[in-house]
């Protein structure tokens, strides 16, 4: 049995945002009896409060820019290493060689053949799809987390941060050997810190 090799990665902390996004009252569109009706309040109830939209300002974008740049560099570095591991693990993979079983399920159409693929090919497709948009997904999630802070919705920051940590941990764990274990530094694991 191989010895467990532990890879420690750094968790992210939500930056403190001083700027606030601009708020404007808006209306909510609803169809009633085939007609469009606009409501000023949530659920058309004044006690529920007004419908509010948040708009970015130049100051808000300038405050988020340095954090986005630092985060994007870290994600790109992890992505480049994951791509190297991906090409190394699936080097020489061929779809024809990964067919486990072929059969024609319908007598009326004997040419309609279904191919059952191996687990390696299925995982190859999942990993390829994951690497296709993980950089943009992570940068958007991190920017959204800072936008939530600028909107004053502090209770939602932990949800956005959890999504960032989960996707980043999956990126760091991709295509590693079975005896490799990726963990976050520190006493608390950000993926399980809020579990009760």
N, C-alpha and C. Protein backbone atom coordinates (compact mmCIF):
# COMPACT_ATOMS: atom_id res chain seq x y z
N UNK A 1 0.85 -1.20 0.00
CA UNK A 1 0.00 0.00 0.00
C UNK A 1 0.88 1.25 0.00
N UNK A 2 0.58 2.19 -0.88
CA UNK A 2 1.38 3.41 -0.98
C UNK A 2 1.11 4.33 0.20
N UNK A 3 2.14 5.04 0.57
CA UNK A 3 2.00 6.00 1.65
C UNK A 3 1.21 7.21 1.17
N UNK A 4 0.33 7.71 2.05
CA UNK A 4 -0.50 8.86 1.69
C UNK A 4 0.38 10.11 1.56
N UNK A 5 0.27 10.76 0.41
CA UNK A 5 1.01 12.00 0.16
C UNK A 5 0.03 13.16 0.23
N UNK A 6 0.23 14.06 1.18
CA UNK A 6 -0.71 15.15 1.43
C UNK A 6 -0.25 16.43 0.74
N UNK A 7 -1.15 17.04 -0.02
CA UNK A 7 -0.90 18.33 -0.66
C UNK A 7 -1.75 19.38 0.06
N UNK A 8 -1.10 20.38 0.63
CA UNK A 8 -1.80 21.44 1.36
C UNK A 8 -2.01 22.64 0.45
N UNK A 9 -3.24 23.12 0.41
CA UNK A 9 -3.55 24.31 -0.39
C UNK A 9 -4.14 25.38 0.53
N UNK A 10 -3.97 26.62 0.12
CA UNK A 10 -4.41 27.74 0.94
C UNK A 10 -5.87 28.07 0.64
N UNK A 11 -6.63 28.31 1.70
CA UNK A 11 -8.02 28.71 1.52
C UNK A 11 -8.09 30.22 1.26
N UNK A 12 -9.23 30.68 0.82
CA UNK A 12 -9.44 32.09 0.49
C UNK A 12 -10.25 32.77 1.58
N UNK A 13 -9.95 34.03 1.79
CA UNK A 13 -10.70 34.84 2.74
C UNK A 13 -11.44 35.95 1.99
N UNK A 14 -12.67 36.21 2.36
CA UNK A 14 -13.39 37.29 1.67
C UNK A 14 -12.79 38.64 2.00
N UNK A 15 -12.37 39.42 1.01
CA UNK A 15 -11.79 40.74 1.29
C UNK A 15 -12.84 41.72 1.81
N UNK A 16 -12.38 42.65 2.63
CA UNK A 16 -13.29 43.66 3.18
C UNK A 16 -13.54 44.73 2.13
N UNK A 17 -14.80 44.97 1.83
CA UNK A 17 -15.20 45.93 0.81
C UNK A 17 -15.70 47.21 1.48
N UNK A 18 -15.07 48.34 1.12
CA UNK A 18 -15.48 49.63 1.68
C UNK A 18 -16.53 50.33 0.83
N UNK A 19 -16.46 50.10 -0.48
CA UNK A 19 -17.41 50.76 -1.39
C UNK A 19 -18.75 50.03 -1.37
N UNK A 20 -19.80 50.76 -1.66
CA UNK A 20 -21.14 50.20 -1.73
C UNK A 20 -21.72 50.42 -3.11
N UNK A 21 -22.41 49.42 -3.62
CA UNK A 21 -23.05 49.56 -4.92
C UNK A 21 -24.27 50.47 -4.83
N UNK A 22 -24.56 51.12 -5.95
CA UNK A 22 -25.68 52.05 -6.01
C UNK A 22 -27.00 51.28 -6.04
N UNK A 23 -27.93 51.70 -5.18
CA UNK A 23 -29.24 51.05 -5.10
C UNK A 23 -30.31 51.94 -5.74
N UNK A 24 -31.20 51.30 -6.47
CA UNK A 24 -32.33 52.02 -7.08
C UNK A 24 -33.59 51.17 -6.94
N UNK A 25 -34.69 51.84 -6.64
CA UNK A 25 -35.97 51.14 -6.59
C UNK A 25 -36.41 50.75 -8.00
N UNK A 26 -36.98 49.59 -8.11
CA UNK A 26 -37.45 49.12 -9.41
C UNK A 26 -38.81 48.46 -9.25
N UNK A 27 -39.32 47.91 -10.32
CA UNK A 27 -40.63 47.26 -10.29
C UNK A 27 -40.47 45.79 -10.68
N UNK A 28 -41.47 45.02 -10.31
CA UNK A 28 -41.49 43.60 -10.64
C UNK A 28 -42.62 43.35 -11.63
N UNK A 29 -42.32 42.67 -12.72
CA UNK A 29 -43.31 42.39 -13.75
C UNK A 29 -43.99 41.05 -13.47
N UNK A 30 -45.30 41.05 -13.58
CA UNK A 30 -46.07 39.83 -13.32
C UNK A 30 -47.24 39.76 -14.29
N UNK A 31 -47.55 38.53 -14.73
CA UNK A 31 -48.68 38.33 -15.64
C UNK A 31 -49.92 37.95 -14.83
N UNK A 32 -50.96 38.74 -14.94
CA UNK A 32 -52.22 38.50 -14.25
C UNK A 32 -53.34 38.48 -15.28
N UNK A 33 -53.94 37.32 -15.49
CA UNK A 33 -55.01 37.22 -16.46
C UNK A 33 -54.58 37.55 -17.87
N UNK A 34 -53.36 37.23 -18.23
CA UNK A 34 -52.86 37.50 -19.57
C UNK A 34 -52.36 38.91 -19.78
N UNK A 35 -52.44 39.74 -18.75
CA UNK A 35 -51.98 41.12 -18.85
C UNK A 35 -50.74 41.32 -17.98
N UNK A 36 -49.89 42.23 -18.41
CA UNK A 36 -48.68 42.53 -17.66
C UNK A 36 -49.00 43.57 -16.60
N UNK A 37 -48.66 43.24 -15.35
CA UNK A 37 -48.88 44.15 -14.22
C UNK A 37 -47.54 44.38 -13.54
N UNK A 38 -47.26 45.63 -13.19
CA UNK A 38 -46.00 45.98 -12.52
C UNK A 38 -46.28 46.30 -11.05
N UNK A 39 -45.45 45.71 -10.17
CA UNK A 39 -45.60 45.92 -8.74
C UNK A 39 -44.37 46.66 -8.20
N UNK A 40 -44.61 47.65 -7.35
CA UNK A 40 -43.51 48.37 -6.72
C UNK A 40 -42.92 47.61 -5.54
N UNK A 41 -43.73 46.76 -4.92
CA UNK A 41 -43.29 46.05 -3.72
C UNK A 41 -43.17 44.55 -4.01
N UNK A 42 -42.38 43.86 -3.19
CA UNK A 42 -42.23 42.42 -3.32
C UNK A 42 -43.56 41.74 -3.01
N UNK A 43 -43.94 40.83 -3.89
CA UNK A 43 -45.20 40.09 -3.76
C UNK A 43 -46.40 41.05 -3.62
N UNK A 44 -46.23 42.26 -4.15
CA UNK A 44 -47.30 43.28 -4.10
C UNK A 44 -47.77 43.54 -2.68
N UNK A 45 -46.82 43.49 -1.74
CA UNK A 45 -47.13 43.70 -0.32
C UNK A 45 -46.19 44.77 0.23
N UNK A 46 -46.68 45.92 0.64
CA UNK A 46 -45.79 46.98 1.15
C UNK A 46 -44.96 46.55 2.36
N UNK A 47 -45.48 45.61 3.15
CA UNK A 47 -44.72 45.15 4.32
C UNK A 47 -43.48 44.36 3.93
N UNK A 48 -43.46 43.81 2.73
CA UNK A 48 -42.32 43.01 2.28
C UNK A 48 -41.17 43.87 1.78
N UNK A 49 -41.38 45.17 1.57
CA UNK A 49 -40.32 46.05 1.11
C UNK A 49 -40.34 46.23 -0.40
N UNK A 50 -39.58 47.19 -0.86
CA UNK A 50 -39.53 47.51 -2.28
C UNK A 50 -38.58 46.57 -3.03
N UNK A 51 -38.81 46.47 -4.32
CA UNK A 51 -37.88 45.76 -5.20
C UNK A 51 -36.68 46.67 -5.47
N UNK A 52 -35.50 46.18 -5.18
CA UNK A 52 -34.28 46.99 -5.28
C UNK A 52 -33.31 46.33 -6.25
N UNK A 53 -32.70 47.13 -7.11
CA UNK A 53 -31.63 46.68 -8.00
C UNK A 53 -30.33 47.35 -7.58
N UNK A 54 -29.23 46.62 -7.73
CA UNK A 54 -27.90 47.14 -7.40
C UNK A 54 -27.12 47.36 -8.69
N UNK A 55 -26.44 48.50 -8.76
CA UNK A 55 -25.66 48.85 -9.94
C UNK A 55 -24.21 49.11 -9.54
N UNK A 56 -23.31 48.63 -10.41
CA UNK A 56 -21.89 48.85 -10.19
C UNK A 56 -21.51 50.30 -10.43
N UNK A 57 -20.54 50.76 -9.68
CA UNK A 57 -19.97 52.08 -9.91
C UNK A 57 -18.49 51.93 -10.26
N UNK A 58 -17.88 52.98 -10.75
CA UNK A 58 -16.46 52.92 -11.09
C UNK A 58 -15.62 52.64 -9.86
N UNK A 59 -16.02 53.20 -8.72
CA UNK A 59 -15.28 52.97 -7.48
C UNK A 59 -15.36 51.50 -7.05
N UNK A 60 -16.53 50.88 -7.22
CA UNK A 60 -16.70 49.47 -6.85
C UNK A 60 -15.83 48.57 -7.74
N UNK A 61 -15.83 48.84 -9.04
CA UNK A 61 -15.02 48.03 -9.95
C UNK A 61 -13.53 48.22 -9.67
N UNK A 62 -13.13 49.44 -9.35
CA UNK A 62 -11.72 49.70 -9.05
C UNK A 62 -11.30 49.01 -7.75
N UNK A 63 -12.20 48.91 -6.79
CA UNK A 63 -11.87 48.25 -5.53
C UNK A 63 -11.72 46.74 -5.72
N UNK A 64 -12.52 46.14 -6.61
CA UNK A 64 -12.45 44.69 -6.82
C UNK A 64 -11.31 44.28 -7.74
N UNK A 65 -10.83 45.19 -8.57
CA UNK A 65 -9.85 44.84 -9.60
C UNK A 65 -8.58 44.19 -9.05
N UNK A 66 -7.90 44.75 -8.02
CA UNK A 66 -6.66 44.11 -7.56
C UNK A 66 -6.89 42.72 -6.97
N UNK A 67 -8.03 42.52 -6.29
CA UNK A 67 -8.33 41.20 -5.74
C UNK A 67 -8.60 40.20 -6.85
N UNK A 68 -9.32 40.64 -7.88
CA UNK A 68 -9.60 39.75 -9.01
C UNK A 68 -8.32 39.35 -9.74
N UNK A 69 -7.41 40.30 -9.86
CA UNK A 69 -6.15 40.01 -10.57
C UNK A 69 -5.31 38.99 -9.81
N UNK A 70 -5.20 39.15 -8.49
CA UNK A 70 -4.43 38.20 -7.69
C UNK A 70 -5.07 36.81 -7.71
N UNK A 71 -6.39 36.77 -7.59
CA UNK A 71 -7.09 35.50 -7.59
C UNK A 71 -6.97 34.80 -8.94
N UNK A 72 -7.08 35.57 -10.03
CA UNK A 72 -6.99 34.99 -11.37
C UNK A 72 -5.62 34.37 -11.62
N UNK A 73 -4.56 34.99 -11.13
CA UNK A 73 -3.21 34.43 -11.29
C UNK A 73 -3.08 33.10 -10.55
N UNK A 74 -3.64 33.02 -9.34
CA UNK A 74 -3.56 31.79 -8.57
C UNK A 74 -4.35 30.67 -9.23
N UNK A 75 -5.52 30.99 -9.73
CA UNK A 75 -6.35 29.99 -10.40
C UNK A 75 -5.70 29.53 -11.70
N UNK A 76 -5.11 30.46 -12.45
CA UNK A 76 -4.46 30.11 -13.71
C UNK A 76 -3.27 29.18 -13.47
N UNK A 77 -2.53 29.43 -12.38
CA UNK A 77 -1.39 28.57 -12.05
C UNK A 77 -1.86 27.14 -11.73
N UNK A 78 -2.94 27.04 -10.94
CA UNK A 78 -3.48 25.72 -10.62
C UNK A 78 -4.07 25.05 -11.87
N UNK A 79 -4.66 25.84 -12.75
CA UNK A 79 -5.25 25.30 -13.98
C UNK A 79 -4.17 24.74 -14.90
N UNK A 80 -3.06 25.46 -15.05
CA UNK A 80 -1.97 25.00 -15.92
C UNK A 80 -1.42 23.66 -15.43
N UNK A 81 -1.27 23.52 -14.11
CA UNK A 81 -0.77 22.26 -13.57
C UNK A 81 -1.78 21.13 -13.75
N UNK A 82 -3.08 21.46 -13.62
CA UNK A 82 -4.11 20.44 -13.82
C UNK A 82 -4.15 19.97 -15.27
N UNK A 83 -3.92 20.88 -16.21
CA UNK A 83 -3.90 20.50 -17.63
C UNK A 83 -2.73 19.56 -17.91
N UNK A 84 -1.59 19.81 -17.30
CA UNK A 84 -0.43 18.93 -17.48
C UNK A 84 -0.74 17.53 -16.94
N UNK A 85 -1.34 17.46 -15.75
CA UNK A 85 -1.71 16.16 -15.18
C UNK A 85 -2.75 15.47 -16.05
N UNK A 86 -3.68 16.24 -16.61
CA UNK A 86 -4.74 15.68 -17.46
C UNK A 86 -4.15 15.02 -18.70
N UNK A 87 -3.25 15.72 -19.39
CA UNK A 87 -2.65 15.16 -20.62
C UNK A 87 -1.74 13.97 -20.30
N UNK A 88 -1.13 14.00 -19.14
CA UNK A 88 -0.26 12.89 -18.77
C UNK A 88 -1.08 11.64 -18.44
N UNK A 89 -2.20 11.80 -17.77
CA UNK A 89 -3.01 10.66 -17.36
C UNK A 89 -3.75 10.03 -18.55
N UNK A 90 -4.23 10.88 -19.46
CA UNK A 90 -5.01 10.37 -20.59
C UNK A 90 -4.21 10.36 -21.88
N UNK A 91 -2.90 10.23 -21.78
CA UNK A 91 -2.06 10.21 -22.98
C UNK A 91 -2.37 8.96 -23.80
N UNK A 92 -2.61 9.14 -25.09
CA UNK A 92 -2.86 8.01 -25.99
C UNK A 92 -4.24 7.39 -25.88
N UNK A 93 -5.17 8.05 -25.21
CA UNK A 93 -6.52 7.49 -25.08
C UNK A 93 -7.23 7.54 -26.41
N UNK A 94 -7.95 6.47 -26.73
CA UNK A 94 -8.64 6.35 -28.02
C UNK A 94 -10.04 5.83 -27.78
N UNK A 95 -11.00 6.43 -28.43
CA UNK A 95 -12.40 6.05 -28.20
C UNK A 95 -12.67 4.60 -28.61
N UNK A 96 -12.06 4.15 -29.70
CA UNK A 96 -12.30 2.78 -30.18
C UNK A 96 -11.80 1.76 -29.16
N UNK A 97 -10.68 2.05 -28.52
CA UNK A 97 -10.12 1.10 -27.55
C UNK A 97 -10.90 1.07 -26.25
N UNK A 98 -11.71 2.12 -25.98
CA UNK A 98 -12.42 2.20 -24.71
C UNK A 98 -13.86 1.70 -24.79
N UNK A 99 -14.26 1.10 -25.92
CA UNK A 99 -15.60 0.53 -26.05
C UNK A 99 -15.63 -0.81 -25.32
N UNK A 100 -16.52 -0.93 -24.34
CA UNK A 100 -16.64 -2.16 -23.56
C UNK A 100 -17.58 -3.15 -24.24
N UNK A 101 -18.71 -2.64 -24.73
CA UNK A 101 -19.71 -3.52 -25.33
C UNK A 101 -20.51 -2.75 -26.36
N UNK A 102 -20.85 -3.41 -27.46
CA UNK A 102 -21.67 -2.81 -28.50
C UNK A 102 -22.85 -3.74 -28.77
N UNK A 103 -24.04 -3.16 -28.87
CA UNK A 103 -25.24 -3.98 -29.11
C UNK A 103 -26.30 -3.13 -29.82
N UNK A 104 -27.21 -3.84 -30.49
CA UNK A 104 -28.34 -3.21 -31.17
C UNK A 104 -29.60 -3.51 -30.38
N UNK A 105 -30.15 -2.56 -29.66
CA UNK A 105 -31.30 -2.84 -28.78
C UNK A 105 -32.62 -3.02 -29.51
N UNK A 106 -32.72 -2.57 -30.77
CA UNK A 106 -33.99 -2.62 -31.49
C UNK A 106 -33.88 -3.55 -32.70
N UNK A 107 -34.80 -4.51 -32.79
CA UNK A 107 -34.81 -5.44 -33.92
C UNK A 107 -35.17 -4.72 -35.22
N UNK A 108 -36.03 -3.68 -35.09
CA UNK A 108 -36.45 -2.97 -36.29
C UNK A 108 -35.32 -2.17 -36.92
N UNK A 109 -34.34 -1.81 -36.10
CA UNK A 109 -33.22 -0.99 -36.60
C UNK A 109 -31.90 -1.65 -36.18
N UNK A 110 -31.47 -2.64 -36.91
CA UNK A 110 -30.22 -3.34 -36.52
C UNK A 110 -28.97 -2.48 -36.66
N UNK A 111 -29.06 -1.38 -37.42
CA UNK A 111 -27.90 -0.51 -37.59
C UNK A 111 -27.77 0.52 -36.45
N UNK A 112 -28.81 0.62 -35.61
CA UNK A 112 -28.75 1.56 -34.48
C UNK A 112 -28.00 0.89 -33.33
N UNK A 113 -26.71 1.05 -33.35
CA UNK A 113 -25.84 0.36 -32.38
C UNK A 113 -25.49 1.31 -31.25
N UNK A 114 -25.56 0.79 -30.05
CA UNK A 114 -25.19 1.54 -28.86
C UNK A 114 -23.86 1.00 -28.33
N UNK A 115 -22.96 1.90 -28.02
CA UNK A 115 -21.65 1.52 -27.50
C UNK A 115 -21.58 1.87 -26.02
N UNK A 116 -21.26 0.90 -25.21
CA UNK A 116 -21.01 1.15 -23.78
C UNK A 116 -19.53 1.43 -23.61
N UNK A 117 -19.24 2.61 -23.01
CA UNK A 117 -17.86 3.03 -22.87
C UNK A 117 -17.31 2.65 -21.50
N UNK A 118 -16.00 2.59 -21.40
CA UNK A 118 -15.35 2.24 -20.14
C UNK A 118 -15.43 3.41 -19.15
N UNK A 119 -15.17 3.11 -17.89
CA UNK A 119 -15.20 4.15 -16.86
C UNK A 119 -14.13 5.21 -17.12
N UNK A 120 -13.00 4.77 -17.67
CA UNK A 120 -11.92 5.71 -17.96
C UNK A 120 -12.36 6.73 -19.00
N UNK A 121 -13.09 6.30 -20.02
CA UNK A 121 -13.56 7.23 -21.06
C UNK A 121 -14.61 8.19 -20.51
N UNK A 122 -15.50 7.68 -19.67
CA UNK A 122 -16.53 8.53 -19.07
C UNK A 122 -15.88 9.60 -18.20
N UNK A 123 -14.88 9.19 -17.39
CA UNK A 123 -14.18 10.16 -16.54
C UNK A 123 -13.37 11.14 -17.38
N UNK A 124 -12.84 10.69 -18.49
CA UNK A 124 -12.11 11.57 -19.40
C UNK A 124 -13.02 12.68 -19.93
N UNK A 125 -14.25 12.32 -20.29
CA UNK A 125 -15.20 13.32 -20.77
C UNK A 125 -15.57 14.32 -19.68
N UNK A 126 -15.76 13.84 -18.45
CA UNK A 126 -16.10 14.73 -17.34
C UNK A 126 -14.96 15.70 -17.04
N UNK A 127 -13.73 15.17 -16.99
CA UNK A 127 -12.57 16.02 -16.70
C UNK A 127 -12.34 17.05 -17.81
N UNK A 128 -12.54 16.64 -19.04
CA UNK A 128 -12.36 17.56 -20.17
C UNK A 128 -13.38 18.69 -20.12
N UNK A 129 -14.63 18.34 -19.80
CA UNK A 129 -15.67 19.35 -19.69
C UNK A 129 -15.41 20.27 -18.51
N UNK A 130 -14.92 19.73 -17.41
CA UNK A 130 -14.62 20.54 -16.22
C UNK A 130 -13.53 21.56 -16.51
N UNK A 131 -12.47 21.13 -17.20
CA UNK A 131 -11.37 22.04 -17.52
C UNK A 131 -11.76 23.09 -18.56
N UNK A 132 -12.85 22.85 -19.28
CA UNK A 132 -13.23 23.77 -20.34
C UNK A 132 -13.66 25.14 -19.84
N UNK A 133 -14.25 25.20 -18.63
CA UNK A 133 -14.75 26.50 -18.17
C UNK A 133 -14.46 26.78 -16.70
N UNK A 134 -13.53 26.04 -16.10
CA UNK A 134 -13.32 26.20 -14.65
C UNK A 134 -12.70 27.55 -14.31
N UNK A 135 -11.83 28.07 -15.17
CA UNK A 135 -11.18 29.36 -14.86
C UNK A 135 -12.22 30.48 -14.84
N UNK A 136 -13.07 30.54 -15.85
CA UNK A 136 -14.09 31.58 -15.88
C UNK A 136 -15.10 31.39 -14.76
N UNK A 137 -15.45 30.14 -14.45
CA UNK A 137 -16.40 29.88 -13.36
C UNK A 137 -15.86 30.38 -12.03
N UNK A 138 -14.60 30.10 -11.75
CA UNK A 138 -14.01 30.51 -10.47
C UNK A 138 -13.89 32.02 -10.38
N UNK A 139 -13.44 32.67 -11.44
CA UNK A 139 -13.28 34.13 -11.39
C UNK A 139 -14.63 34.82 -11.24
N UNK A 140 -15.66 34.29 -11.91
CA UNK A 140 -17.00 34.87 -11.79
C UNK A 140 -17.53 34.68 -10.37
N UNK A 141 -17.33 33.49 -9.80
CA UNK A 141 -17.81 33.23 -8.43
C UNK A 141 -17.12 34.15 -7.43
N UNK A 142 -15.81 34.36 -7.60
CA UNK A 142 -15.08 35.21 -6.66
C UNK A 142 -15.52 36.67 -6.79
N UNK A 143 -15.73 37.13 -8.03
CA UNK A 143 -16.20 38.50 -8.24
C UNK A 143 -17.62 38.67 -7.69
N UNK A 144 -18.44 37.64 -7.83
CA UNK A 144 -19.80 37.69 -7.29
C UNK A 144 -19.78 37.80 -5.77
N UNK A 145 -18.84 37.09 -5.14
CA UNK A 145 -18.73 37.16 -3.69
C UNK A 145 -18.42 38.59 -3.23
N UNK A 146 -17.55 39.28 -3.94
CA UNK A 146 -17.23 40.66 -3.57
C UNK A 146 -18.40 41.59 -3.88
N UNK A 147 -19.13 41.32 -4.95
CA UNK A 147 -20.33 42.13 -5.26
C UNK A 147 -21.38 41.98 -4.16
N UNK A 148 -21.52 40.77 -3.64
CA UNK A 148 -22.46 40.53 -2.55
C UNK A 148 -22.06 41.34 -1.32
N UNK A 149 -20.76 41.42 -1.06
CA UNK A 149 -20.28 42.22 0.07
C UNK A 149 -20.55 43.71 -0.16
N UNK A 150 -20.39 44.17 -1.39
CA UNK A 150 -20.65 45.58 -1.70
C UNK A 150 -22.14 45.91 -1.67
N UNK A 151 -22.97 44.89 -1.80
CA UNK A 151 -24.42 45.11 -1.70
C UNK A 151 -24.91 45.07 -0.26
N UNK A 152 -24.04 44.67 0.66
CA UNK A 152 -24.43 44.60 2.07
C UNK A 152 -25.12 43.32 2.46
N UNK A 153 -25.11 42.30 1.60
CA UNK A 153 -25.74 41.01 1.91
C UNK A 153 -24.68 40.07 2.50
N UNK A 154 -24.29 40.36 3.73
CA UNK A 154 -23.15 39.67 4.33
C UNK A 154 -23.43 38.20 4.62
N UNK A 155 -24.69 37.83 4.80
CA UNK A 155 -25.01 36.44 5.10
C UNK A 155 -24.80 35.53 3.88
N UNK A 156 -24.80 36.11 2.69
CA UNK A 156 -24.63 35.32 1.47
C UNK A 156 -23.16 35.12 1.10
N UNK A 157 -22.25 35.81 1.80
CA UNK A 157 -20.83 35.70 1.46
C UNK A 157 -20.33 34.28 1.68
N UNK A 158 -20.76 33.65 2.79
CA UNK A 158 -20.29 32.29 3.10
C UNK A 158 -20.72 31.30 2.02
N UNK A 159 -21.92 31.49 1.43
CA UNK A 159 -22.37 30.60 0.37
C UNK A 159 -21.49 30.74 -0.87
N UNK A 160 -21.19 31.98 -1.24
CA UNK A 160 -20.33 32.21 -2.41
C UNK A 160 -18.92 31.69 -2.17
N UNK A 161 -18.42 31.88 -0.95
CA UNK A 161 -17.07 31.41 -0.62
C UNK A 161 -17.00 29.89 -0.64
N UNK A 162 -18.07 29.23 -0.21
CA UNK A 162 -18.11 27.76 -0.25
C UNK A 162 -18.02 27.26 -1.69
N UNK A 163 -18.73 27.91 -2.60
CA UNK A 163 -18.68 27.52 -4.01
C UNK A 163 -17.27 27.68 -4.57
N UNK A 164 -16.60 28.76 -4.19
CA UNK A 164 -15.22 28.99 -4.65
C UNK A 164 -14.29 27.91 -4.13
N UNK A 165 -14.38 27.60 -2.85
CA UNK A 165 -13.51 26.57 -2.26
C UNK A 165 -13.78 25.19 -2.86
N UNK A 166 -15.04 24.88 -3.09
CA UNK A 166 -15.39 23.56 -3.63
C UNK A 166 -14.83 23.38 -5.04
N UNK A 167 -15.01 24.38 -5.90
CA UNK A 167 -14.51 24.29 -7.27
C UNK A 167 -12.98 24.29 -7.30
N UNK A 168 -12.35 25.09 -6.44
CA UNK A 168 -10.88 25.15 -6.41
C UNK A 168 -10.30 23.84 -5.89
N UNK A 169 -10.93 23.23 -4.90
CA UNK A 169 -10.47 21.94 -4.37
C UNK A 169 -10.60 20.86 -5.44
N UNK A 170 -11.66 20.90 -6.20
CA UNK A 170 -11.85 19.93 -7.27
C UNK A 170 -10.80 20.10 -8.36
N UNK A 171 -10.44 21.35 -8.65
CA UNK A 171 -9.40 21.62 -9.64
C UNK A 171 -8.05 21.10 -9.17
N UNK A 172 -7.73 21.32 -7.90
CA UNK A 172 -6.45 20.86 -7.37
C UNK A 172 -6.39 19.34 -7.25
N UNK A 173 -7.54 18.69 -7.07
CA UNK A 173 -7.56 17.23 -6.90
C UNK A 173 -7.63 16.47 -8.21
N UNK A 174 -7.80 17.16 -9.32
CA UNK A 174 -8.02 16.49 -10.59
C UNK A 174 -6.79 15.72 -11.06
N UNK A 175 -7.04 14.48 -11.54
CA UNK A 175 -6.03 13.64 -12.19
C UNK A 175 -4.81 13.39 -11.30
N UNK A 176 -5.02 13.28 -10.03
CA UNK A 176 -3.92 12.93 -9.13
C UNK A 176 -3.97 11.43 -8.82
N UNK A 177 -2.84 10.83 -8.43
CA UNK A 177 -2.86 9.41 -8.05
C UNK A 177 -3.74 9.17 -6.82
N UNK A 178 -4.09 7.90 -6.60
CA UNK A 178 -5.00 7.57 -5.51
C UNK A 178 -4.40 7.85 -4.14
N UNK A 179 -3.07 7.79 -4.03
CA UNK A 179 -2.45 8.01 -2.72
C UNK A 179 -2.16 9.50 -2.45
N UNK A 180 -2.61 10.38 -3.34
CA UNK A 180 -2.48 11.82 -3.11
C UNK A 180 -3.76 12.34 -2.46
N UNK A 181 -3.60 13.17 -1.46
CA UNK A 181 -4.74 13.74 -0.75
C UNK A 181 -4.57 15.25 -0.68
N UNK A 182 -5.55 15.99 -1.15
CA UNK A 182 -5.52 17.45 -1.17
C UNK A 182 -6.34 17.96 0.00
N UNK A 183 -5.70 18.75 0.87
CA UNK A 183 -6.38 19.30 2.05
C UNK A 183 -6.08 20.79 2.13
N UNK A 184 -6.96 21.52 2.82
CA UNK A 184 -6.75 22.94 3.05
C UNK A 184 -5.88 23.13 4.28
N UNK A 185 -5.06 24.18 4.24
CA UNK A 185 -4.22 24.50 5.40
C UNK A 185 -5.09 25.03 6.54
N UNK A 186 -4.62 24.85 7.75
CA UNK A 186 -5.34 25.37 8.91
C UNK A 186 -6.14 24.28 9.61
N UNK A 187 -6.68 24.64 10.76
CA UNK A 187 -7.43 23.68 11.55
C UNK A 187 -8.83 23.44 11.00
N UNK A 188 -9.44 24.48 10.39
CA UNK A 188 -10.79 24.35 9.88
C UNK A 188 -10.78 24.08 8.38
N UNK A 189 -11.58 23.11 7.99
CA UNK A 189 -11.77 22.84 6.57
C UNK A 189 -12.93 23.70 6.07
N UNK A 190 -12.70 24.61 5.11
CA UNK A 190 -13.78 25.50 4.67
C UNK A 190 -14.94 24.77 4.00
N UNK A 191 -14.74 23.52 3.60
CA UNK A 191 -15.83 22.76 2.98
C UNK A 191 -16.76 22.13 4.00
N UNK A 192 -16.28 21.99 5.24
CA UNK A 192 -17.10 21.36 6.27
C UNK A 192 -17.24 22.25 7.51
N UNK A 193 -16.80 23.50 7.44
CA UNK A 193 -16.79 24.37 8.62
C UNK A 193 -18.20 24.71 9.08
N UNK A 194 -19.15 24.80 8.14
CA UNK A 194 -20.52 25.21 8.50
C UNK A 194 -21.47 24.05 8.76
N UNK A 195 -20.95 22.82 8.69
CA UNK A 195 -21.80 21.67 8.94
C UNK A 195 -22.11 21.56 10.44
N UNK A 196 -23.33 21.20 10.75
CA UNK A 196 -23.74 21.07 12.15
C UNK A 196 -24.04 19.61 12.47
